[in-house]
Every structure is written in structure tokens, then in C-alpha cells.
C-alpha atoms as a PDB file:
ATOM      1  CA  UNK A   1     105.300 112.085 108.553  1.00  0.00           C
ATOM      2  CA  UNK A   2     107.382 115.264 108.209  1.00  0.00           C
ATOM      3  CA  UNK A   3     110.513 116.886 107.521  1.00  0.00           C
ATOM      4  CA  UNK A   4     112.313 119.923 109.024  1.00  0.00           C
ATOM      5  CA  UNK A   5     112.059 122.912 106.463  1.00  0.00           C
ATOM      6  CA  UNK A   6     114.690 125.615 105.971  1.00  0.00           C
ATOM      7  CA  UNK A   7     112.907 127.821 107.425  1.00  0.00           C
ATOM      8  CA  UNK A   8     112.693 125.858 110.515  1.00  0.00           C
ATOM      9  CA  UNK A   9     109.124 124.541 110.641  1.00  0.00           C
ATOM     10  CA  UNK A  10     107.629 121.460 109.937  1.00  0.00           C
ATOM     11  CA  UNK A  11     106.931 120.204 106.821  1.00  0.00           C
ATOM     12  CA  UNK A  12     103.548 118.076 106.237  1.00  0.00           C
ATOM     13  CA  UNK A  13     103.518 114.830 104.309  1.00  0.00           C
ATOM     14  CA  UNK A  14     100.618 115.333 101.302  1.00  0.00           C
ATOM     15  CA  UNK A  15      99.401 113.711  98.072  1.00  0.00           C
ATOM     16  CA  UNK A  16      99.079 116.166  95.434  1.00  0.00           C
ATOM     17  CA  UNK A  17      98.995 116.788  91.689  1.00  0.00           C
ATOM     18  CA  UNK A  18     101.601 117.293  89.927  1.00  0.00           C
ATOM     19  CA  UNK A  19     100.858 119.458  86.166  1.00  0.00           C
ATOM     20  CA  UNK A  20     103.542 119.118  83.779  1.00  0.00           C
ATOM     21  CA  UNK A  21     104.232 121.592  80.718  1.00  0.00           C
ATOM     22  CA  UNK A  22     100.171 122.246  81.668  1.00  0.00           C
ATOM     23  CA  UNK A  23      99.347 119.530  79.774  1.00  0.00           C
ATOM     24  CA  UNK A  24      99.669 116.356  82.162  1.00  0.00           C
ATOM     25  CA  UNK A  25      98.695 115.731  85.050  1.00  0.00           C
ATOM     26  CA  UNK A  26     100.470 113.611  87.597  1.00  0.00           C
ATOM     27  CA  UNK A  27      98.154 112.307  90.986  1.00  0.00           C
ATOM     28  CA  UNK A  28      99.271 110.809  93.802  1.00  0.00           C
ATOM     29  CA  UNK A  29     102.684 112.799  94.074  1.00  0.00           C
ATOM     30  CA  UNK A  30     104.291 112.791  97.775  1.00  0.00           C
ATOM     31  CA  UNK A  31     105.003 115.851  98.539  1.00  0.00           C
ATOM     32  CA  UNK A  32     106.195 117.906 101.793  1.00  0.00           C
ATOM     33  CA  UNK A  33     104.824 121.475 102.025  1.00  0.00           C
ATOM     34  CA  UNK A  34     105.728 123.210 104.657  1.00  0.00           C
ATOM     35  CA  UNK A  35     102.373 125.816 106.087  1.00  0.00           C
ATOM     36  CA  UNK A  36     104.815 128.646 107.097  1.00  0.00           C
ATOM     37  CA  UNK A  37     106.799 130.068 103.886  1.00  0.00           C
ATOM     38  CA  UNK A  38     104.676 127.459 101.343  1.00  0.00           C
ATOM     39  CA  UNK A  39     107.522 125.910 100.559  1.00  0.00           C
ATOM     40  CA  UNK A  40     107.408 122.222  98.802  1.00  0.00           C
ATOM     41  CA  UNK A  41     109.797 119.211  97.422  1.00  0.00           C
ATOM     42  CA  UNK A  42     109.297 115.644  96.009  1.00  0.00           C
ATOM     43  CA  UNK A  43     109.923 113.371  98.819  1.00  0.00           C
ATOM     44  CA  UNK A  44     113.521 112.393  97.576  1.00  0.00           C
ATOM     45  CA  UNK A  45     112.663 108.028  97.788  1.00  0.00           C
ATOM     46  CA  UNK A  46     110.189 108.972  95.100  1.00  0.00           C
ATOM     47  CA  UNK A  47     111.603 111.689  93.027  1.00  0.00           C
ATOM     48  CA  UNK A  48     113.949 109.270  90.736  1.00  0.00           C
ATOM     49  CA  UNK A  49     110.769 108.022  89.273  1.00  0.00           C
ATOM     50  CA  UNK A  50     109.292 111.296  88.902  1.00  0.00           C
ATOM     51  CA  UNK A  51     112.141 112.507  86.996  1.00  0.00           C
ATOM     52  CA  UNK A  52     111.752 109.225  85.287  1.00  0.00           C
ATOM     53  CA  UNK A  53     108.560 109.729  83.855  1.00  0.00           C
ATOM     54  CA  UNK A  54     108.594 113.200  82.788  1.00  0.00           C
ATOM     55  CA  UNK A  55     111.724 112.743  80.720  1.00  0.00           C
ATOM     56  CA  UNK A  56     109.685 109.965  78.786  1.00  0.00           C
ATOM     57  CA  UNK A  57     106.616 112.634  78.668  1.00  0.00           C
ATOM     58  CA  UNK A  58     108.933 114.931  76.449  1.00  0.00           C
ATOM     59  CA  UNK A  59     108.776 117.848  75.571  1.00  0.00           C
ATOM     60  CA  UNK A  60     105.438 118.234  74.252  1.00  0.00           C
ATOM     61  CA  UNK A  61     103.456 115.543  75.977  1.00  0.00           C
ATOM     62  CA  UNK A  62      99.314 114.838  75.179  1.00  0.00           C
ATOM     63  CA  UNK A  63      96.945 115.804  77.281  1.00  0.00           C
ATOM     64  CA  UNK A  64      96.380 113.418  79.676  1.00  0.00           C
ATOM     65  CA  UNK A  65      96.285 112.052  83.686  1.00  0.00           C
ATOM     66  CA  UNK A  66      98.484 109.651  84.890  1.00  0.00           C
ATOM     67  CA  UNK A  67      98.417 107.995  88.564  1.00  0.00           C
ATOM     68  CA  UNK A  68     101.945 108.126  90.299  1.00  0.00           C
ATOM     69  CA  UNK A  69     101.090 105.426  92.209  1.00  0.00           C
ATOM     70  CA  UNK A  70     100.866 103.069  89.567  1.00  0.00           C
ATOM     71  CA  UNK A  71     104.107 103.722  88.622  1.00  0.00           C
ATOM     72  CA  UNK A  72     105.973 103.739  92.190  1.00  0.00           C
ATOM     73  CA  UNK A  73     105.424 101.414  94.613  1.00  0.00           C
ATOM     74  CA  UNK A  74     106.409 104.033  97.854  1.00  0.00           C
ATOM     75  CA  UNK A  75     103.924 106.080  96.823  1.00  0.00           C
ATOM     76  CA  UNK A  76     101.685 103.515  96.387  1.00  0.00           C
ATOM     77  CA  UNK A  77     101.668 102.389  99.939  1.00  0.00           C
ATOM     78  CA  UNK A  78     101.056 105.970 100.946  1.00  0.00           C
ATOM     79  CA  UNK A  79      97.754 105.928  99.046  1.00  0.00           C
ATOM     80  CA  UNK A  80      96.768 103.021 100.808  1.00  0.00           C
ATOM     81  CA  UNK A  81      98.196 104.435 104.108  1.00  0.00           C
ATOM     82  CA  UNK A  82      95.944 107.498 103.327  1.00  0.00           C
ATOM     83  CA  UNK A  83      93.180 105.760 102.719  1.00  0.00           C
ATOM     84  CA  UNK A  84      93.227 104.382 105.876  1.00  0.00           C
ATOM     85  CA  UNK A  85      93.447 106.710 107.954  1.00  0.00           C
ATOM     86  CA  UNK A  86      93.460 110.928 106.577  1.00  0.00           C
ATOM     87  CA  UNK A  87      97.200 111.342 108.025  1.00  0.00           C
ATOM     88  CA  UNK A  88      98.459 107.803 108.578  1.00  0.00           C
ATOM     89  CA  UNK A  89     101.294 107.576 111.049  1.00  0.00           C
ATOM     90  CA  UNK A  90     105.006 106.116 110.624  1.00  0.00           C
ATOM     91  CA  UNK A  91     103.631 102.929 112.635  1.00  0.00           C
ATOM     92  CA  UNK A  92     100.332 102.329 110.072  1.00  0.00           C
ATOM     93  CA  UNK A  93     102.687 103.231 107.594  1.00  0.00           C
ATOM     94  CA  UNK A  94     106.073 101.042 108.683  1.00  0.00           C
ATOM     95  CA  UNK A  95     102.844  98.273 109.093  1.00  0.00           C
ATOM     96  CA  UNK A  96     102.142  98.383 104.621  1.00  0.00           C
ATOM     97  CA  UNK A  97     105.753  98.621 104.485  1.00  0.00           C
ATOM     98  CA  UNK A  98     106.335  95.404 105.813  1.00  0.00           C
ATOM     99  CA  UNK A  99     103.250  94.036 104.979  1.00  0.00           C
ATOM    100  CA  UNK A 100     104.124  94.425 100.691  1.00  0.00           C
ATOM    101  CA  UNK A 101     108.025  93.736 101.263  1.00  0.00           C
ATOM    102  CA  UNK A 102     106.363  90.688 102.214  1.00  0.00           C
ATOM    103  CA  UNK A 103     103.960  89.532  99.828  1.00  0.00           C
ATOM    104  CA  UNK A 104     106.784  90.806  97.435  1.00  0.00           C
ATOM    105  CA  UNK A 105     109.036  88.633  98.022  1.00  0.00           C
ATOM    106  CA  UNK A 106     106.102  85.857  97.980  1.00  0.00           C
ATOM    107  CA  UNK A 107     105.725  86.823  94.460  1.00  0.00           C
ATOM    108  CA  UNK A 108     109.522  86.652  93.214  1.00  0.00           C
ATOM    109  CA  UNK A 109     109.813  83.173  94.533  1.00  0.00           C
ATOM    110  CA  UNK A 110     106.772  82.726  92.144  1.00  0.00           C
ATOM    111  CA  UNK A 111     107.840  84.609  89.353  1.00  0.00           C
ATOM    112  CA  UNK A 112     111.233  82.426  90.086  1.00  0.00           C
ATOM    113  CA  UNK A 113     110.089  79.602  90.146  1.00  0.00           C
ATOM    114  CA  UNK A 114     107.963  79.597  86.982  1.00  0.00           C
ATOM    115  CA  UNK A 115     110.421  81.151  84.769  1.00  0.00           C
ATOM    116  CA  UNK A 116     109.160  85.000  84.790  1.00  0.00           C
ATOM    117  CA  UNK A 117     111.720  87.195  83.760  1.00  0.00           C
ATOM    118  CA  UNK A 118     109.736  90.216  82.545  1.00  0.00           C
ATOM    119  CA  UNK A 119     107.418  89.503  86.260  1.00  0.00           C
ATOM    120  CA  UNK A 120     110.502  88.962  88.474  1.00  0.00           C
ATOM    121  CA  UNK A 121     111.892  91.856  87.110  1.00  0.00           C
ATOM    122  CA  UNK A 122     109.330  94.652  88.292  1.00  0.00           C
ATOM    123  CA  UNK A 123     109.089  92.625  91.550  1.00  0.00           C
ATOM    124  CA  UNK A 124     113.265  93.408  91.690  1.00  0.00           C
ATOM    125  CA  UNK A 125     112.060  96.920  90.941  1.00  0.00           C
ATOM    126  CA  UNK A 126     108.762  97.569  93.147  1.00  0.00           C
ATOM    127  CA  UNK A 127     111.493  96.333  96.244  1.00  0.00           C
ATOM    128  CA  UNK A 128     113.849  98.545  95.020  1.00  0.00           C
ATOM    129  CA  UNK A 129     111.582 101.736  95.015  1.00  0.00           C
ATOM    130  CA  UNK A 130     110.435  99.565  98.929  1.00  0.00           C
ATOM    131  CA  UNK A 131     114.184 100.544  99.562  1.00  0.00           C
ATOM    132  CA  UNK A 132     114.871 103.677  99.020  1.00  0.00           C
ATOM    133  CA  UNK A 133     112.115 104.863 102.039  1.00  0.00           C
ATOM    134  CA  UNK A 134     113.636 106.675 104.561  1.00  0.00           C
ATOM    135  CA  UNK A 135     110.366 107.112 107.181  1.00  0.00           C
ATOM    136  CA  UNK A 136     110.878 110.263 109.321  1.00  0.00           C
ATOM    137  CA  UNK A 137     108.796 111.555 112.157  1.00  0.00           C
END
């Protein structure tokens, strides 16, 4: 998965650790990196959730390590895709996305049928995260 950098070269997607306030390690954050100019940027699809997490941590967070893929469905799918292939291609990621959407829709029906509002809202949040994704090659 690639994106064109402002320098004109291709940026590659990688799962990286973001360190916040020198104390918090946030693992498995999808980031585009340019091998030519060393520019890096968080994938736009996950940026709202990453900034929200950082906002929740506050200015003086305790020392800790967090797995971003446990908080963001898109990051979780990329971790899954990378576990199957070192550098997943667009087709592999799209297949995983399609399977996850189907699974979440089934769970949404189940949560609605049993009247579990909190579970239903969590599933809707995950589906919303996936709806933000745009795949680039």
C-alpha cells in the first residue's frame, strides 16, 4: 500500500510505534513513510482515533504501552494482513476488510436481537472506522 509523498517518491505503509510525551508507547500505528526524504504521516483513516487517544491520555500520562490495533478496527485489519504477509497487497487487505465487515454486520444483528445497546454501539463504531478507509496502491 502506497501513497505519493510531497517529494514525489512513493511512501510505504508500515506499522510503527508512536511515542507520546516520552512515556507512552502506542504500538501498531499505521504510518506512511518515505524512504527518500524520511517524511512520515499517520494514515488519515486512523488519525482521528489516534488524536482522540492522545487527548484521553492527557498532558502527564503514566508510563505505559498501548496496542493501537485494539482501539482501531482499521489498524487491527492491517496487523492481521501483515501477520499473513510481510507486505500485504491491496487485494489481501481488501479481502480481510470484506470478511471483517460481514462478520461485524452479523454481530450487529445479534446485538440488536438481544437488545444489548452497548455492544451494538461498539460494533457500529467499528463499522464506522472501516467506512473511513480508502485503499491506495
